[in-house]
Amino acid sequence: MAKYQPKLDLTDWKRTSAQEVDKIMAIVAPELHSFIEEHAALSQLMDRVREGYDTEIYREALNQIGHELEHHFLFEEKYILSRLENHIPETEVGPIAKLKSEHDVIRKHHREALAMFEGHDPENPSQELIQKMGLLAYLLKKHIEKEGHYLFPLFSVILTEDEKAAIARDVNRPV
């Protein structure tokens, strides 16, 4: 009996465009623009991952994702979500819980992909590695789209001017 191999339905994958990023920036508070810029760069890299196996692109993607996990995700959790709790105190369900849960899922898949990549044969990459990288790219792409199209525009409206200014200060990125 053949081993089950799940297939990703990537028909909803859309390449990142400069026009889309510009439109998102127009509806997001300037104090949060650095997050959108980082999203755009990572999303474009995920487009490259999806094009197929390439050792250098996989290496770059895993390194960049690792950096994002250590910085961008932590900044979102520490500086944005903590302030959002002033307006949405429920942390077991809703946007705060969902974002933290997605961050945890992406962290898990990154760890697994990194372990697979570190031990792989560049001349003969496993289907598991290629599938894992495709899944990781898909999860990140959908997470970025959710934040850019829904959450950051809403955060821009919900958070006070003082909270948004404090976020910009906290991430050391003046507006």
C-alpha atoms as a PDB file:
ATOM      1  CA  MET A   1       0.000   0.000   0.000  1.00  0.00           C
ATOM      2  CA  ALA A   2       1.365   3.415  -0.972  1.00  0.00           C
ATOM      3  CA  LYS A   3       2.198   5.945   1.725  1.00  0.00           C
ATOM      4  CA  TYR A   4      -0.345   8.749   1.889  1.00  0.00           C
ATOM      5  CA  GLN A   5       1.128  12.038   0.749  1.00  0.00           C
ATOM      6  CA  PRO A   6      -1.123  15.041   1.282  1.00  0.00           C
ATOM      7  CA  LYS A   7      -1.386  17.466  -1.584  1.00  0.00           C
ATOM      8  CA  LEU A   8      -1.534  21.184  -0.948  1.00  0.00           C
ATOM      9  CA  ASP A   9      -4.205  23.053  -2.840  1.00  0.00           C
ATOM     10  CA  LEU A  10      -2.292  26.152  -3.801  1.00  0.00           C
ATOM     11  CA  THR A  11      -4.860  27.480  -6.222  1.00  0.00           C
ATOM     12  CA  ASP A  12      -5.421  30.422  -3.891  1.00  0.00           C
ATOM     13  CA  TRP A  13      -1.713  31.386  -4.055  1.00  0.00           C
ATOM     14  CA  LYS A  14      -1.203  34.890  -5.401  1.00  0.00           C
ATOM     15  CA  ARG A  15       2.246  36.345  -6.064  1.00  0.00           C
ATOM     16  CA  THR A  16       3.126  39.453  -4.068  1.00  0.00           C
ATOM     17  CA  SER A  17       2.832  42.642  -6.081  1.00  0.00           C
ATOM     18  CA  ALA A  18       4.102  46.149  -5.368  1.00  0.00           C
ATOM     19  CA  GLN A  19       0.631  47.564  -6.076  1.00  0.00           C
ATOM     20  CA  GLU A  20      -0.964  45.317  -3.492  1.00  0.00           C
ATOM     21  CA  VAL A  21       1.638  46.287  -0.886  1.00  0.00           C
ATOM     22  CA  ASP A  22       1.077  49.994  -1.664  1.00  0.00           C
ATOM     23  CA  LYS A  23      -2.684  49.583  -1.234  1.00  0.00           C
ATOM     24  CA  ILE A  24      -2.211  47.807   2.094  1.00  0.00           C
ATOM     25  CA  MET A  25       0.151  50.562   3.273  1.00  0.00           C
ATOM     26  CA  ALA A  26      -2.559  53.102   2.416  1.00  0.00           C
ATOM     27  CA  ILE A  27      -4.990  51.501   4.884  1.00  0.00           C
ATOM     28  CA  VAL A  28      -2.513  50.758   7.683  1.00  0.00           C
ATOM     29  CA  ALA A  29      -1.299  53.289  10.240  1.00  0.00           C
ATOM     30  CA  PRO A  30       2.206  54.620   9.432  1.00  0.00           C
ATOM     31  CA  GLU A  31       3.431  53.362  12.808  1.00  0.00           C
ATOM     32  CA  LEU A  32       2.792  49.809  11.586  1.00  0.00           C
ATOM     33  CA  HIS A  33       4.286  50.198   8.091  1.00  0.00           C
ATOM     34  CA  SER A  34       7.574  48.508   9.017  1.00  0.00           C
ATOM     35  CA  PHE A  35       5.639  45.306   9.725  1.00  0.00           C
ATOM     36  CA  ILE A  36       3.979  45.468   6.292  1.00  0.00           C
ATOM     37  CA  GLU A  37       7.346  46.084   4.609  1.00  0.00           C
ATOM     38  CA  GLU A  38       8.816  43.028   6.326  1.00  0.00           C
ATOM     39  CA  HIS A  39       5.755  41.018   5.324  1.00  0.00           C
ATOM     40  CA  ALA A  40       6.190  42.031   1.674  1.00  0.00           C
ATOM     41  CA  ALA A  41       9.840  40.979   1.572  1.00  0.00           C
ATOM     42  CA  LEU A  42       9.118  37.619   3.213  1.00  0.00           C
ATOM     43  CA  SER A  43       6.087  37.026   0.999  1.00  0.00           C
ATOM     44  CA  GLN A  44       8.195  37.584  -2.125  1.00  0.00           C
ATOM     45  CA  LEU A  45      10.745  35.087  -0.809  1.00  0.00           C
ATOM     46  CA  MET A  46       7.935  32.558  -0.253  1.00  0.00           C
ATOM     47  CA  ASP A  47       6.955  33.070  -3.910  1.00  0.00           C
ATOM     48  CA  ARG A  48      10.488  31.984  -4.822  1.00  0.00           C
ATOM     49  CA  VAL A  49      10.316  28.943  -2.509  1.00  0.00           C
ATOM     50  CA  ARG A  50       7.146  27.854  -4.252  1.00  0.00           C
ATOM     51  CA  GLU A  51       8.847  27.864  -7.658  1.00  0.00           C
ATOM     52  CA  GLY A  52      10.565  24.608  -6.760  1.00  0.00           C
ATOM     53  CA  TYR A  53      13.592  23.125  -5.087  1.00  0.00           C
ATOM     54  CA  ASP A  54      16.672  25.339  -4.982  1.00  0.00           C
ATOM     55  CA  THR A  55      19.234  24.808  -2.230  1.00  0.00           C
ATOM     56  CA  GLU A  56      20.219  28.468  -1.981  1.00  0.00           C
ATOM     57  CA  ILE A  57      16.638  29.754  -1.974  1.00  0.00           C
ATOM     58  CA  TYR A  58      15.690  27.202   0.695  1.00  0.00           C
ATOM     59  CA  ARG A  59      18.730  28.221   2.775  1.00  0.00           C
ATOM     60  CA  GLU A  60      17.891  31.924   2.409  1.00  0.00           C
ATOM     61  CA  ALA A  61      14.231  31.279   3.231  1.00  0.00           C
ATOM     62  CA  LEU A  62      14.990  29.234   6.342  1.00  0.00           C
ATOM     63  CA  ASN A  63      17.477  31.866   7.560  1.00  0.00           C
ATOM     64  CA  GLN A  64      15.067  34.730   6.883  1.00  0.00           C
ATOM     65  CA  ILE A  65      12.153  32.901   8.503  1.00  0.00           C
ATOM     66  CA  GLY A  66      14.336  32.196  11.527  1.00  0.00           C
ATOM     67  CA  HIS A  67      15.140  35.897  11.786  1.00  0.00           C
ATOM     68  CA  GLU A  68      11.455  36.771  11.480  1.00  0.00           C
ATOM     69  CA  LEU A  69      10.562  34.297  14.227  1.00  0.00           C
ATOM     70  CA  GLU A  70      13.153  35.831  16.555  1.00  0.00           C
ATOM     71  CA  HIS A  71      12.292  39.440  15.801  1.00  0.00           C
ATOM     72  CA  HIS A  72       9.128  40.162  13.824  1.00  0.00           C
ATOM     73  CA  PHE A  73       6.894  37.598  15.556  1.00  0.00           C
ATOM     74  CA  LEU A  74       8.194  38.611  18.970  1.00  0.00           C
ATOM     75  CA  PHE A  75       7.654  42.305  18.177  1.00  0.00           C
ATOM     76  CA  GLU A  76       4.073  41.574  17.092  1.00  0.00           C
ATOM     77  CA  GLU A  77       3.389  39.571  20.239  1.00  0.00           C
ATOM     78  CA  LYS A  78       5.144  41.888  22.668  1.00  0.00           C
ATOM     79  CA  TYR A  79       4.333  45.318  21.260  1.00  0.00           C
ATOM     80  CA  ILE A  80       1.105  44.980  19.263  1.00  0.00           C
ATOM     81  CA  LEU A  81      -0.853  42.095  20.760  1.00  0.00           C
ATOM     82  CA  SER A  82      -0.098  43.170  24.318  1.00  0.00           C
ATOM     83  CA  ARG A  83      -1.620  46.576  23.536  1.00  0.00           C
ATOM     84  CA  LEU A  84      -4.534  45.011  21.696  1.00  0.00           C
ATOM     85  CA  GLU A  85      -5.418  43.284  24.969  1.00  0.00           C
ATOM     86  CA  ASN A  86      -6.465  46.748  26.244  1.00  0.00           C
ATOM     87  CA  HIS A  87      -9.295  46.629  23.694  1.00  0.00           C
ATOM     88  CA  ILE A  88      -9.898  42.871  23.350  1.00  0.00           C
ATOM     89  CA  PRO A  89      -9.233  41.337  26.747  1.00  0.00           C
ATOM     90  CA  GLU A  90     -10.177  37.812  25.632  1.00  0.00           C
ATOM     91  CA  THR A  91      -6.987  35.879  24.903  1.00  0.00           C
ATOM     92  CA  GLU A  92      -8.307  32.317  24.618  1.00  0.00           C
ATOM     93  CA  VAL A  93     -10.238  32.977  21.402  1.00  0.00           C
ATOM     94  CA  GLY A  94     -10.277  35.803  18.882  1.00  0.00           C
ATOM     95  CA  PRO A  95      -7.498  37.604  17.030  1.00  0.00           C
ATOM     96  CA  ILE A  96      -4.878  37.539  19.785  1.00  0.00           C
ATOM     97  CA  ALA A  97      -5.201  33.799  20.372  1.00  0.00           C
ATOM     98  CA  LYS A  98      -5.383  33.073  16.646  1.00  0.00           C
ATOM     99  CA  LEU A  99      -2.242  35.041  15.826  1.00  0.00           C
ATOM    100  CA  LYS A 100      -0.246  33.482  18.656  1.00  0.00           C
ATOM    101  CA  SER A 101      -1.451  30.036  17.609  1.00  0.00           C
ATOM    102  CA  GLU A 102      -0.429  30.639  13.997  1.00  0.00           C
ATOM    103  CA  HIS A 103       2.966  31.906  15.146  1.00  0.00           C
ATOM    104  CA  ASP A 104       3.426  28.672  17.125  1.00  0.00           C
ATOM    105  CA  VAL A 105       2.430  26.514  14.137  1.00  0.00           C
ATOM    106  CA  ILE A 106       4.859  28.373  11.860  1.00  0.00           C
ATOM    107  CA  ARG A 107       7.634  28.052  14.462  1.00  0.00           C
ATOM    108  CA  LYS A 108       7.024  24.275  14.635  1.00  0.00           C
ATOM    109  CA  HIS A 109       7.112  23.813  10.859  1.00  0.00           C
ATOM    110  CA  HIS A 110      10.214  25.990  10.590  1.00  0.00           C
ATOM    111  CA  ARG A 111      12.032  23.831  13.163  1.00  0.00           C
ATOM    112  CA  GLU A 112      11.039  20.684  11.275  1.00  0.00           C
ATOM    113  CA  ALA A 113      12.014  22.121   7.867  1.00  0.00           C
ATOM    114  CA  LEU A 114      15.341  23.352   9.243  1.00  0.00           C
ATOM    115  CA  ALA A 115      16.145  19.900  10.656  1.00  0.00           C
ATOM    116  CA  MET A 116      15.280  18.273   7.316  1.00  0.00           C
ATOM    117  CA  PHE A 117      17.317  20.825   5.370  1.00  0.00           C
ATOM    118  CA  GLU A 118      20.410  20.523   7.576  1.00  0.00           C
ATOM    119  CA  GLY A 119      20.661  16.810   6.891  1.00  0.00           C
ATOM    120  CA  HIS A 120      19.589  16.763   3.252  1.00  0.00           C
ATOM    121  CA  ASP A 121      21.525  15.806   0.131  1.00  0.00           C
ATOM    122  CA  PRO A 122      21.461  18.851  -2.188  1.00  0.00           C
ATOM    123  CA  GLU A 123      21.840  16.585  -5.216  1.00  0.00           C
ATOM    124  CA  ASN A 124      18.883  14.436  -4.201  1.00  0.00           C
ATOM    125  CA  PRO A 125      16.433  16.372  -1.995  1.00  0.00           C
ATOM    126  CA  SER A 126      13.668  14.336  -0.395  1.00  0.00           C
ATOM    127  CA  GLN A 127      10.046  14.794  -1.303  1.00  0.00           C
ATOM    128  CA  GLU A 128       9.391  15.337   2.417  1.00  0.00           C
ATOM    129  CA  LEU A 129      11.715  18.368   2.453  1.00  0.00           C
ATOM    130  CA  ILE A 130      10.144  19.812  -0.684  1.00  0.00           C
ATOM    131  CA  GLN A 131       6.652  19.260   0.739  1.00  0.00           C
ATOM    132  CA  LYS A 132       7.627  20.735   4.112  1.00  0.00           C
ATOM    133  CA  MET A 133       9.090  23.838   2.459  1.00  0.00           C
ATOM    134  CA  GLY A 134       5.968  24.188   0.324  1.00  0.00           C
ATOM    135  CA  LEU A 135       3.776  23.902   3.406  1.00  0.00           C
ATOM    136  CA  LEU A 136       5.890  26.394   5.356  1.00  0.00           C
ATOM    137  CA  ALA A 137       5.776  28.868   2.456  1.00  0.00           C
ATOM    138  CA  TYR A 138       2.002  28.433   2.203  1.00  0.00           C
ATOM    139  CA  LEU A 139       1.431  28.899   5.939  1.00  0.00           C
ATOM    140  CA  LEU A 140       3.554  32.044   5.997  1.00  0.00           C
ATOM    141  CA  LYS A 141       1.938  33.454   2.862  1.00  0.00           C
ATOM    142  CA  LYS A 142      -1.579  32.973   4.238  1.00  0.00           C
ATOM    143  CA  HIS A 143      -0.547  34.365   7.639  1.00  0.00           C
ATOM    144  CA  ILE A 144       0.956  37.456   6.005  1.00  0.00           C
ATOM    145  CA  GLU A 145      -2.150  37.959   3.858  1.00  0.00           C
ATOM    146  CA  LYS A 146      -4.407  37.674   6.906  1.00  0.00           C
ATOM    147  CA  GLU A 147      -2.384  40.225   8.857  1.00  0.00           C
ATOM    148  CA  GLY A 148      -1.992  42.634   5.944  1.00  0.00           C
ATOM    149  CA  HIS A 149      -5.530  42.535   4.589  1.00  0.00           C
ATOM    150  CA  TYR A 150      -7.482  42.169   7.828  1.00  0.00           C
ATOM    151  CA  LEU A 151      -5.647  42.558  11.078  1.00  0.00           C
ATOM    152  CA  PHE A 152      -3.225  45.436  10.592  1.00  0.00           C
ATOM    153  CA  PRO A 153      -5.928  47.666   9.053  1.00  0.00           C
ATOM    154  CA  LEU A 154      -8.157  46.840  12.040  1.00  0.00           C
ATOM    155  CA  PHE A 155      -5.313  47.380  14.520  1.00  0.00           C
ATOM    156  CA  SER A 156      -4.813  50.780  12.882  1.00  0.00           C
ATOM    157  CA  VAL A 157      -8.367  51.720  13.814  1.00  0.00           C
ATOM    158  CA  ILE A 158      -8.595  50.014  17.210  1.00  0.00           C
ATOM    159  CA  LEU A 159      -5.289  51.115  18.756  1.00  0.00           C
ATOM    160  CA  THR A 160      -5.057  54.662  20.083  1.00  0.00           C
ATOM    161  CA  GLU A 161      -2.613  57.192  18.633  1.00  0.00           C
ATOM    162  CA  ASP A 162      -0.537  56.897  21.811  1.00  0.00           C
ATOM    163  CA  GLU A 163      -0.444  53.090  21.522  1.00  0.00           C
ATOM    164  CA  LYS A 164       0.622  53.254  17.869  1.00  0.00           C
ATOM    165  CA  ALA A 165       3.354  55.792  18.673  1.00  0.00           C
ATOM    166  CA  ALA A 166       4.563  53.578  21.518  1.00  0.00           C
ATOM    167  CA  ILE A 167       4.744  50.589  19.154  1.00  0.00           C
ATOM    168  CA  ALA A 168       6.875  52.601  16.724  1.00  0.00           C
ATOM    169  CA  ARG A 169       9.178  53.632  19.586  1.00  0.00           C
ATOM    170  CA  ASP A 170       9.338  50.106  20.990  1.00  0.00           C
ATOM    171  CA  VAL A 171      10.437  48.544  17.723  1.00  0.00           C
ATOM    172  CA  ASN A 172      12.926  51.402  17.331  1.00  0.00           C
ATOM    173  CA  ARG A 173      11.523  52.429  14.000  1.00  0.00           C
ATOM    174  CA  PRO A 174      10.426  56.042  14.087  1.00  0.00           C
ATOM    175  CA  VAL A 175       7.586  57.033  11.791  1.00  0.00           C
END
